[in-house]
Amino acid sequence: MSASLFENKPEYCLFGHELWPGQAQVSWTPCICAPTREAAGRGRGMGHLRVACTSCRDQLRQTVFFEPPHDSGHRPLTG
Protein backbone atom coordinates (compact mmCIF):
# COMPACT_ATOMS: atom_id res chain seq x y z
CA MET A 1 0.00 0.00 0.00
CA SER A 2 1.50 3.33 -1.00
CA ALA A 3 1.40 6.34 1.32
CA SER A 4 1.26 10.00 0.37
CA LEU A 5 4.31 12.10 1.15
CA PHE A 6 2.01 15.05 1.92
CA GLU A 7 -0.46 15.61 4.73
CA ASN A 8 -1.49 18.93 3.11
CA LYS A 9 -0.56 18.81 -0.56
CA PRO A 10 -0.71 22.28 -2.18
CA GLU A 11 -2.57 22.47 -5.50
CA TYR A 12 -1.57 26.09 -6.33
CA CYS A 13 1.22 28.46 -5.31
CA LEU A 14 0.53 31.86 -3.71
CA PHE A 15 0.50 33.46 -7.18
CA GLY A 16 -2.14 31.03 -8.49
CA HIS A 17 0.09 28.77 -10.59
CA GLU A 18 -1.02 25.14 -10.73
CA LEU A 19 1.67 22.92 -9.17
CA TRP A 20 0.70 19.47 -10.47
CA PRO A 21 1.55 17.68 -12.67
CA GLY A 22 5.12 18.71 -13.39
CA GLN A 23 4.99 22.39 -12.38
CA ALA A 24 6.86 22.03 -9.09
CA GLN A 25 10.31 21.02 -7.94
CA VAL A 26 10.14 18.69 -4.93
CA SER A 27 13.15 18.20 -2.65
CA TRP A 28 14.06 17.33 0.95
CA THR A 29 15.44 19.86 3.46
CA PRO A 30 16.83 18.61 6.82
CA CYS A 31 15.59 20.70 9.77
CA ILE A 32 15.25 20.56 13.56
CA CYS A 33 12.20 22.82 14.04
CA ALA A 34 9.33 21.63 16.28
CA PRO A 35 7.04 20.42 13.44
CA THR A 36 9.81 18.22 12.00
CA ARG A 37 10.65 16.78 15.42
CA GLU A 38 6.96 15.92 15.85
CA ALA A 39 6.79 14.39 12.35
CA ALA A 40 9.95 12.38 13.06
CA GLY A 41 8.13 10.85 16.02
CA ARG A 42 5.52 9.59 13.54
CA GLY A 43 8.24 8.10 11.30
CA ARG A 44 8.31 10.89 8.67
CA GLY A 45 11.98 11.84 9.07
CA MET A 46 13.69 14.92 10.51
CA GLY A 47 13.10 17.51 7.81
CA HIS A 48 10.69 19.00 5.30
CA LEU A 49 9.48 18.11 1.85
CA ARG A 50 10.14 21.34 -0.02
CA VAL A 51 7.90 22.24 -2.96
CA ALA A 52 8.98 25.16 -5.17
CA CYS A 53 6.82 26.54 -8.00
CA THR A 54 8.70 26.34 -11.30
CA SER A 55 6.47 28.98 -12.95
CA CYS A 56 7.40 31.46 -10.20
CA ARG A 57 11.08 30.55 -10.64
CA ASP A 58 10.79 31.35 -14.35
CA GLN A 59 9.31 34.76 -13.39
CA LEU A 60 12.22 35.38 -10.94
CA ARG A 61 9.98 34.85 -7.89
CA GLN A 62 10.47 32.38 -5.08
CA THR A 63 7.42 30.48 -3.86
CA VAL A 64 8.16 27.59 -1.49
CA PHE A 65 5.88 25.28 0.50
CA PHE A 66 7.19 23.11 3.36
CA GLU A 67 5.60 19.86 4.56
CA PRO A 68 5.33 19.79 7.52
CA PRO A 69 4.97 23.58 7.83
CA HIS A 70 8.25 25.22 8.83
CA ASP A 71 8.56 26.90 12.25
CA SER A 72 10.16 30.24 11.32
CA GLY A 73 11.92 30.35 14.70
CA HIS A 74 14.51 27.98 13.21
CA ARG A 75 16.30 28.03 9.86
CA PRO A 76 16.40 24.84 7.76
CA LEU A 77 19.80 23.16 7.94
CA THR A 78 21.96 23.58 4.86
CA GLY A 79 25.10 21.76 3.78
PDB file of N, CA and C in Angstrom:
ATOM      1  N   MET A   1       0.846  -1.180   0.000  1.00  0.00           N
ATOM      2  CA  MET A   1       0.000   0.000   0.000  1.00  0.00           C
ATOM      3  C   MET A   1       0.888   1.239   0.000  1.00  0.00           C
ATOM      4  N   SER A   2       0.686   2.128  -0.940  1.00  0.00           N
ATOM      5  CA  SER A   2       1.497   3.333  -0.997  1.00  0.00           C
ATOM      6  C   SER A   2       0.924   4.404  -0.055  1.00  0.00           C
ATOM      7  N   ALA A   3       1.801   5.260   0.419  1.00  0.00           N
ATOM      8  CA  ALA A   3       1.396   6.341   1.316  1.00  0.00           C
ATOM      9  C   ALA A   3       1.793   7.664   0.689  1.00  0.00           C
ATOM     10  N   SER A   4       0.965   8.673   0.891  1.00  0.00           N
ATOM     11  CA  SER A   4       1.260  10.002   0.368  1.00  0.00           C
ATOM     12  C   SER A   4       2.394  10.634   1.164  1.00  0.00           C
ATOM     13  N   LEU A   5       3.244  11.372   0.470  1.00  0.00           N
ATOM     14  CA  LEU A   5       4.307  12.102   1.149  1.00  0.00           C
ATOM     15  C   LEU A   5       3.765  13.354   1.826  1.00  0.00           C
ATOM     16  N   PHE A   6       2.579  13.798   1.434  1.00  0.00           N
ATOM     17  CA  PHE A   6       2.015  15.049   1.921  1.00  0.00           C
ATOM     18  C   PHE A   6       0.819  14.816   2.833  1.00  0.00           C
ATOM     19  N   GLU A   7       0.749  15.548   3.928  1.00  0.00           N
ATOM     20  CA  GLU A   7      -0.461  15.607   4.730  1.00  0.00           C
ATOM     21  C   GLU A   7      -1.366  16.707   4.173  1.00  0.00           C
ATOM     22  N   ASN A   8      -0.766  17.789   3.675  1.00  0.00           N
ATOM     23  CA  ASN A   8      -1.491  18.932   3.114  1.00  0.00           C
ATOM     24  C   ASN A   8      -0.853  19.315   1.784  1.00  0.00           C
ATOM     25  N   LYS A   9      -1.185  18.581   0.738  1.00  0.00           N
ATOM     26  CA  LYS A   9      -0.564  18.806  -0.565  1.00  0.00           C
ATOM     27  C   LYS A   9      -1.112  20.084  -1.208  1.00  0.00           C
ATOM     28  N   PRO A  10      -0.239  21.047  -1.540  1.00  0.00           N
ATOM     29  CA  PRO A  10      -0.715  22.279  -2.176  1.00  0.00           C
ATOM     30  C   PRO A  10      -1.079  22.028  -3.639  1.00  0.00           C
ATOM     31  N   GLU A  11      -2.172  22.595  -4.098  1.00  0.00           N
ATOM     32  CA  GLU A  11      -2.572  22.475  -5.497  1.00  0.00           C
ATOM     33  C   GLU A  11      -2.078  23.665  -6.316  1.00  0.00           C
ATOM     34  N   TYR A  12      -1.983  24.843  -5.667  1.00  0.00           N
ATOM     35  CA  TYR A  12      -1.573  26.085  -6.334  1.00  0.00           C
ATOM     36  C   TYR A  12      -0.565  26.820  -5.456  1.00  0.00           C
ATOM     37  N   CYS A  13       0.309  27.608  -6.074  1.00  0.00           N
ATOM     38  CA  CYS A  13       1.223  28.460  -5.308  1.00  0.00           C
ATOM     39  C   CYS A  13       0.481  29.745  -4.916  1.00  0.00           C
ATOM     40  N   LEU A  14       1.141  30.604  -4.162  1.00  0.00           N
ATOM     41  CA  LEU A  14       0.525  31.858  -3.708  1.00  0.00           C
ATOM     42  C   LEU A  14       0.163  32.793  -4.861  1.00  0.00           C
ATOM     43  N   PHE A  15       0.793  32.623  -6.018  1.00  0.00           N
ATOM     44  CA  PHE A  15       0.500  33.461  -7.180  1.00  0.00           C
ATOM     45  C   PHE A  15      -0.500  32.804  -8.134  1.00  0.00           C
ATOM     46  N   GLY A  16      -1.087  31.676  -7.716  1.00  0.00           N
ATOM     47  CA  GLY A  16      -2.136  31.026  -8.486  1.00  0.00           C
ATOM     48  C   GLY A  16      -1.691  30.043  -9.546  1.00  0.00           C
ATOM     49  N   HIS A  17      -0.396  29.746  -9.604  1.00  0.00           N
ATOM     50  CA  HIS A  17       0.088  28.767 -10.589  1.00  0.00           C
ATOM     51  C   HIS A  17      -0.257  27.350 -10.119  1.00  0.00           C
ATOM     52  N   GLU A  18      -0.743  26.532 -11.045  1.00  0.00           N
ATOM     53  CA  GLU A  18      -1.019  25.140 -10.732  1.00  0.00           C
ATOM     54  C   GLU A  18       0.309  24.397 -10.547  1.00  0.00           C
ATOM     55  N   LEU A  19       0.405  23.594  -9.480  1.00  0.00           N
ATOM     56  CA  LEU A  19       1.670  22.918  -9.171  1.00  0.00           C
ATOM     57  C   LEU A  19       1.774  21.508  -9.750  1.00  0.00           C
ATOM     58  N   TRP A  20       0.672  20.862 -10.045  1.00  0.00           N
ATOM     59  CA  TRP A  20       0.696  19.469 -10.468  1.00  0.00           C
ATOM     60  C   TRP A  20      -0.091  19.321 -11.744  1.00  0.00           C
ATOM     61  N   PRO A  21       0.328  18.467 -12.646  1.00  0.00           N
ATOM     62  CA  PRO A  21       1.553  17.677 -12.674  1.00  0.00           C
ATOM     63  C   PRO A  21       2.715  18.449 -13.293  1.00  0.00           C
ATOM     64  N   GLY A  22       3.886  18.236 -12.781  1.00  0.00           N
ATOM     65  CA  GLY A  22       5.117  18.715 -13.391  1.00  0.00           C
ATOM     66  C   GLY A  22       5.451  20.184 -13.281  1.00  0.00           C
ATOM     67  N   GLN A  23       4.716  20.957 -12.483  1.00  0.00           N
ATOM     68  CA  GLN A  23       4.988  22.386 -12.384  1.00  0.00           C
ATOM     69  C   GLN A  23       5.636  22.763 -11.055  1.00  0.00           C
ATOM     70  N   ALA A  24       6.215  21.779 -10.372  1.00  0.00           N
ATOM     71  CA  ALA A  24       6.863  22.029  -9.087  1.00  0.00           C
ATOM     72  C   ALA A  24       8.143  21.213  -8.982  1.00  0.00           C
ATOM     73  N   GLN A  25       9.085  21.754  -8.253  1.00  0.00           N
ATOM     74  CA  GLN A  25      10.311  21.018  -7.936  1.00  0.00           C
ATOM     75  C   GLN A  25      10.179  20.555  -6.489  1.00  0.00           C
ATOM     76  N   VAL A  26      10.288  19.261  -6.267  1.00  0.00           N
ATOM     77  CA  VAL A  26      10.140  18.692  -4.932  1.00  0.00           C
ATOM     78  C   VAL A  26      11.500  18.218  -4.453  1.00  0.00           C
ATOM     79  N   SER A  27      11.866  18.611  -3.224  1.00  0.00           N
ATOM     80  CA  SER A  27      13.149  18.196  -2.649  1.00  0.00           C
ATOM     81  C   SER A  27      12.974  17.988  -1.146  1.00  0.00           C
ATOM     82  N   TRP A  28      14.044  17.586  -0.495  1.00  0.00           N
ATOM     83  CA  TRP A  28      14.059  17.326   0.952  1.00  0.00           C
ATOM     84  C   TRP A  28      15.019  18.303   1.602  1.00  0.00           C
ATOM     85  N   THR A  29      14.601  18.928   2.714  1.00  0.00           N
ATOM     86  CA  THR A  29      15.444  19.856   3.459  1.00  0.00           C
ATOM     87  C   THR A  29      15.524  19.406   4.910  1.00  0.00           C
ATOM     88  N   PRO A  30      16.697  18.979   5.414  1.00  0.00           N
ATOM     89  CA  PRO A  30      16.825  18.612   6.820  1.00  0.00           C
ATOM     90  C   PRO A  30      16.542  19.821   7.707  1.00  0.00           C
ATOM     91  N   CYS A  31      15.917  19.595   8.866  1.00  0.00           N
ATOM     92  CA  CYS A  31      15.586  20.698   9.771  1.00  0.00           C
ATOM     93  C   CYS A  31      15.334  20.138  11.166  1.00  0.00           C
ATOM     94  N   ILE A  32      15.486  20.983  12.184  1.00  0.00           N
ATOM     95  CA  ILE A  32      15.247  20.558  13.556  1.00  0.00           C
ATOM     96  C   ILE A  32      14.142  21.364  14.223  1.00  0.00           C
ATOM     97  N   CYS A  33      13.282  22.030  13.441  1.00  0.00           N
ATOM     98  CA  CYS A  33      12.202  22.816  14.038  1.00  0.00           C
ATOM     99  C   CYS A  33      11.181  21.875  14.691  1.00  0.00           C
ATOM    100  N   ALA A  34      10.309  22.423  15.533  1.00  0.00           N
ATOM    101  CA  ALA A  34       9.335  21.628  16.284  1.00  0.00           C
ATOM    102  C   ALA A  34       8.442  20.763  15.389  1.00  0.00           C
ATOM    103  N   PRO A  35       7.884  21.291  14.278  1.00  0.00           N
ATOM    104  CA  PRO A  35       7.039  20.419  13.443  1.00  0.00           C
ATOM    105  C   PRO A  35       7.790  19.212  12.868  1.00  0.00           C
ATOM    106  N   THR A  36       9.074  19.368  12.534  1.00  0.00           N
ATOM    107  CA  THR A  36       9.812  18.217  11.995  1.00  0.00           C
ATOM    108  C   THR A  36      10.142  17.219  13.092  1.00  0.00           C
ATOM    109  N   ARG A  37      10.410  17.704  14.301  1.00  0.00           N
ATOM    110  CA  ARG A  37      10.647  16.775  15.418  1.00  0.00           C
ATOM    111  C   ARG A  37       9.389  15.970  15.702  1.00  0.00           C
ATOM    112  N   GLU A  38       8.228  16.626  15.641  1.00  0.00           N
ATOM    113  CA  GLU A  38       6.960  15.924  15.849  1.00  0.00           C
ATOM    114  C   GLU A  38       6.713  14.909  14.733  1.00  0.00           C
ATOM    115  N   ALA A  39       6.969  15.298  13.479  1.00  0.00           N
ATOM    116  CA  ALA A  39       6.788  14.393  12.346  1.00  0.00           C
ATOM    117  C   ALA A  39       7.756  13.216  12.430  1.00  0.00           C
ATOM    118  N   ALA A  40       8.972  13.458  12.914  1.00  0.00           N
ATOM    119  CA  ALA A  40       9.953  12.377  13.063  1.00  0.00           C
ATOM    120  C   ALA A  40       9.446  11.329  14.042  1.00  0.00           C
ATOM    121  N   GLY A  41       8.719  11.780  15.067  1.00  0.00           N
ATOM    122  CA  GLY A  41       8.134  10.851  16.023  1.00  0.00           C
ATOM    123  C   GLY A  41       7.074   9.958  15.397  1.00  0.00           C
ATOM    124  N   ARG A  42       6.508  10.385  14.269  1.00  0.00           N
ATOM    125  CA  ARG A  42       5.521   9.586  13.541  1.00  0.00           C
ATOM    126  C   ARG A  42       6.171   8.840  12.374  1.00  0.00           C
ATOM    127  N   GLY A  43       7.524   8.847  12.318  1.00  0.00           N
ATOM    128  CA  GLY A  43       8.237   8.100  11.301  1.00  0.00           C
ATOM    129  C   GLY A  43       8.396   8.819   9.973  1.00  0.00           C
ATOM    130  N   ARG A  44       8.239  10.148   9.929  1.00  0.00           N
ATOM    131  CA  ARG A  44       8.313  10.890   8.672  1.00  0.00           C
ATOM    132  C   ARG A  44       9.684  11.509   8.419  1.00  0.00           C
ATOM    133  N   GLY A  45      10.640  11.298   9.290  1.00  0.00           N
ATOM    134  CA  GLY A  45      11.978  11.842   9.071  1.00  0.00           C
ATOM    135  C   GLY A  45      12.136  13.223   9.677  1.00  0.00           C
ATOM    136  N   MET A  46      13.385  13.645   9.859  1.00  0.00           N
ATOM    137  CA  MET A  46      13.692  14.915  10.510  1.00  0.00           C
ATOM    138  C   MET A  46      13.995  15.970   9.447  1.00  0.00           C
ATOM    139  N   GLY A  47      12.937  16.492   8.833  1.00  0.00           N
ATOM    140  CA  GLY A  47      13.098  17.508   7.811  1.00  0.00           C
ATOM    141  C   GLY A  47      11.789  17.798   7.115  1.00  0.00           C
ATOM    142  N   HIS A  48      11.868  18.579   6.046  1.00  0.00           N
ATOM    143  CA  HIS A  48      10.690  19.001   5.298  1.00  0.00           C
ATOM    144  C   HIS A  48      10.765  18.529   3.851  1.00  0.00           C
ATOM    145  N   LEU A  49       9.615  18.155   3.293  1.00  0.00           N
ATOM    146  CA  LEU A  49       9.483  18.110   1.847  1.00  0.00           C
ATOM    147  C   LEU A  49       9.375  19.564   1.432  1.00  0.00           C
ATOM    148  N   ARG A  50      10.125  19.956   0.445  1.00  0.00           N
ATOM    149  CA  ARG A  50      10.142  21.344  -0.016  1.00  0.00           C
ATOM    150  C   ARG A  50       9.602  21.360  -1.433  1.00  0.00           C
ATOM    151  N   VAL A  51       8.533  22.139  -1.644  1.00  0.00           N
ATOM    152  CA  VAL A  51       7.905  22.244  -2.964  1.00  0.00           C
ATOM    153  C   VAL A  51       8.091  23.671  -3.451  1.00  0.00           C
ATOM    154  N   ALA A  52       8.754  23.836  -4.590  1.00  0.00           N
ATOM    155  CA  ALA A  52       8.983  25.161  -5.173  1.00  0.00           C
ATOM    156  C   ALA A  52       8.257  25.237  -6.518  1.00  0.00           C
ATOM    157  N   CYS A  53       7.554  26.339  -6.752  1.00  0.00           N
ATOM    158  CA  CYS A  53       6.817  26.545  -7.995  1.00  0.00           C
ATOM    159  C   CYS A  53       7.791  26.892  -9.124  1.00  0.00           C
ATOM    160  N   THR A  54       7.779  26.085 -10.191  1.00  0.00           N
ATOM    161  CA  THR A  54       8.696  26.342 -11.305  1.00  0.00           C
ATOM    162  C   THR A  54       8.243  27.530 -12.158  1.00  0.00           C
ATOM    163  N   SER A  55       6.947  27.797 -12.215  1.00  0.00           N
ATOM    164  CA  SER A  55       6.466  28.983 -12.949  1.00  0.00           C
ATOM    165  C   SER A  55       6.949  30.254 -12.266  1.00  0.00           C
ATOM    166  N   CYS A  56       6.897  30.295 -10.942  1.00  0.00           N
ATOM    167  CA  CYS A  56       7.405  31.464 -10.202  1.00  0.00           C
ATOM    168  C   CYS A  56       8.906  31.619 -10.423  1.00  0.00           C
ATOM    169  N   ARG A  57       9.635  30.499 -10.401  1.00  0.00           N
ATOM    170  CA  ARG A  57      11.078  30.554 -10.638  1.00  0.00           C
ATOM    171  C   ARG A  57      11.370  31.174 -11.999  1.00  0.00           C
ATOM    172  N   ASP A  58      10.596  30.798 -13.012  1.00  0.00           N
ATOM    173  CA  ASP A  58      10.788  31.351 -14.354  1.00  0.00           C
ATOM    174  C   ASP A  58      10.478  32.846 -14.407  1.00  0.00           C
ATOM    175  N   GLN A  59       9.658  33.333 -13.464  1.00  0.00           N
ATOM    176  CA  GLN A  59       9.307  34.757 -13.386  1.00  0.00           C
ATOM    177  C   GLN A  59      10.176  35.494 -12.354  1.00  0.00           C
ATOM    178  N   LEU A  60      11.271  34.831 -11.920  1.00  0.00           N
ATOM    179  CA  LEU A  60      12.218  35.382 -10.944  1.00  0.00           C
ATOM    180  C   LEU A  60      11.560  35.667  -9.595  1.00  0.00           C
ATOM    181  N   ARG A  61      10.614  34.816  -9.219  1.00  0.00           N
ATOM    182  CA  ARG A  61       9.983  34.852  -7.894  1.00  0.00           C
ATOM    183  C   ARG A  61      10.383  33.579  -7.166  1.00  0.00           C
ATOM    184  N   GLN A  62      10.200  33.587  -5.851  1.00  0.00           N
ATOM    185  CA  GLN A  62      10.465  32.376  -5.082  1.00  0.00           C
ATOM    186  C   GLN A  62       9.232  32.049  -4.261  1.00  0.00           C
ATOM    187  N   THR A  63       8.577  30.954  -4.605  1.00  0.00           N
ATOM    188  CA  THR A  63       7.416  30.477  -3.864  1.00  0.00           C
ATOM    189  C   THR A  63       7.740  29.071  -3.389  1.00  0.00           C
ATOM    190  N   VAL A  64       7.777  28.883  -2.066  1.00  0.00           N
ATOM    191  CA  VAL A  64       8.164  27.592  -1.489  1.00  0.00           C
ATOM    192  C   VAL A  64       7.126  27.170  -0.457  1.00  0.00           C
ATOM    193  N   PHE A  65       6.792  25.896  -0.457  1.00  0.00           N
ATOM    194  CA  PHE A  65       5.880  25.282   0.500  1.00  0.00           C
ATOM    195  C   PHE A  65       6.654  24.198   1.242  1.00  0.00           C
ATOM    196  N   PHE A  66       6.514  24.140   2.560  1.00  0.00           N
ATOM    197  CA  PHE A  66       7.190  23.112   3.361  1.00  0.00           C
ATOM    198  C   PHE A  66       6.157  22.174   3.966  1.00  0.00           C
ATOM    199  N   GLU A  67       6.434  20.879   3.915  1.00  0.00           N
ATOM    200  CA  GLU A  67       5.600  19.859   4.561  1.00  0.00           C
ATOM    201  C   GLU A  67       6.487  19.043   5.476  1.00  0.00           C
ATOM    202  N   PRO A  68       6.320  19.019   6.787  1.00  0.00           N
ATOM    203  CA  PRO A  68       5.331  19.789   7.523  1.00  0.00           C
ATOM    204  C   PRO A  68       5.669  21.280   7.485  1.00  0.00           C
ATOM    205  N   PRO A  69       4.702  22.136   7.840  1.00  0.00           N
ATOM    206  CA  PRO A  69       4.971  23.578   7.826  1.00  0.00           C
ATOM    207  C   PRO A  69       6.215  23.909   8.652  1.00  0.00           C
ATOM    208  N   HIS A  70       7.004  24.849   8.159  1.00  0.00           N
ATOM    209  CA  HIS A  70       8.248  25.221   8.835  1.00  0.00           C
ATOM    210  C   HIS A  70       7.985  26.205   9.967  1.00  0.00           C
ATOM    211  N   ASP A  71       8.609  25.977  11.107  1.00  0.00           N
ATOM    212  CA  ASP A  71       8.558  26.902  12.251  1.00  0.00           C
ATOM    213  C   ASP A  71       9.628  27.956  11.998  1.00  0.00           C
ATOM    214  N   SER A  72       9.215  29.188  11.720  1.00  0.00           N
ATOM    215  CA  SER A  72      10.156  30.241  11.321  1.00  0.00           C
ATOM    216  C   SER A  72      11.121  30.633  12.440  1.00  0.00           C
ATOM    217  N   GLY A  73      10.975  30.085  13.631  1.00  0.00           N
ATOM    218  CA  GLY A  73      11.921  30.349  14.699  1.00  0.00           C
ATOM    219  C   GLY A  73      13.247  29.639  14.497  1.00  0.00           C
ATOM    220  N   HIS A  74      13.296  28.729  13.533  1.00  0.00           N
ATOM    221  CA  HIS A  74      14.509  27.979  13.211  1.00  0.00           C
ATOM    222  C   HIS A  74      14.723  28.007  11.704  1.00  0.00           C
ATOM    223  N   ARG A  75      15.970  28.082  11.289  1.00  0.00           N
ATOM    224  CA  ARG A  75      16.295  28.035   9.858  1.00  0.00           C
ATOM    225  C   ARG A  75      16.518  26.588   9.454  1.00  0.00           C
ATOM    226  N   PRO A  76      16.070  26.191   8.233  1.00  0.00           N
ATOM    227  CA  PRO A  76      16.399  24.844   7.759  1.00  0.00           C
ATOM    228  C   PRO A  76      17.913  24.657   7.717  1.00  0.00           C
ATOM    229  N   LEU A  77      18.371  23.446   7.976  1.00  0.00           N
ATOM    230  CA  LEU A  77      19.804  23.160   7.939  1.00  0.00           C
ATOM    231  C   LEU A  77      20.266  23.087   6.496  1.00  0.00           C
ATOM    232  N   THR A  78      21.417  23.657   6.204  1.00  0.00           N
ATOM    233  CA  THR A  78      21.961  23.577   4.862  1.00  0.00           C
ATOM    234  C   THR A  78      23.361  23.002   4.932  1.00  0.00           C
ATOM    235  N   GLY A  79      23.784  22.389   3.834  1.00  0.00           N
ATOM    236  CA  GLY A  79      25.096  21.757   3.777  1.00  0.00           C
ATOM    237  C   GLY A  79      26.140  22.777   3.586  1.00  0.00           C
TER     238      GLY A  79
END
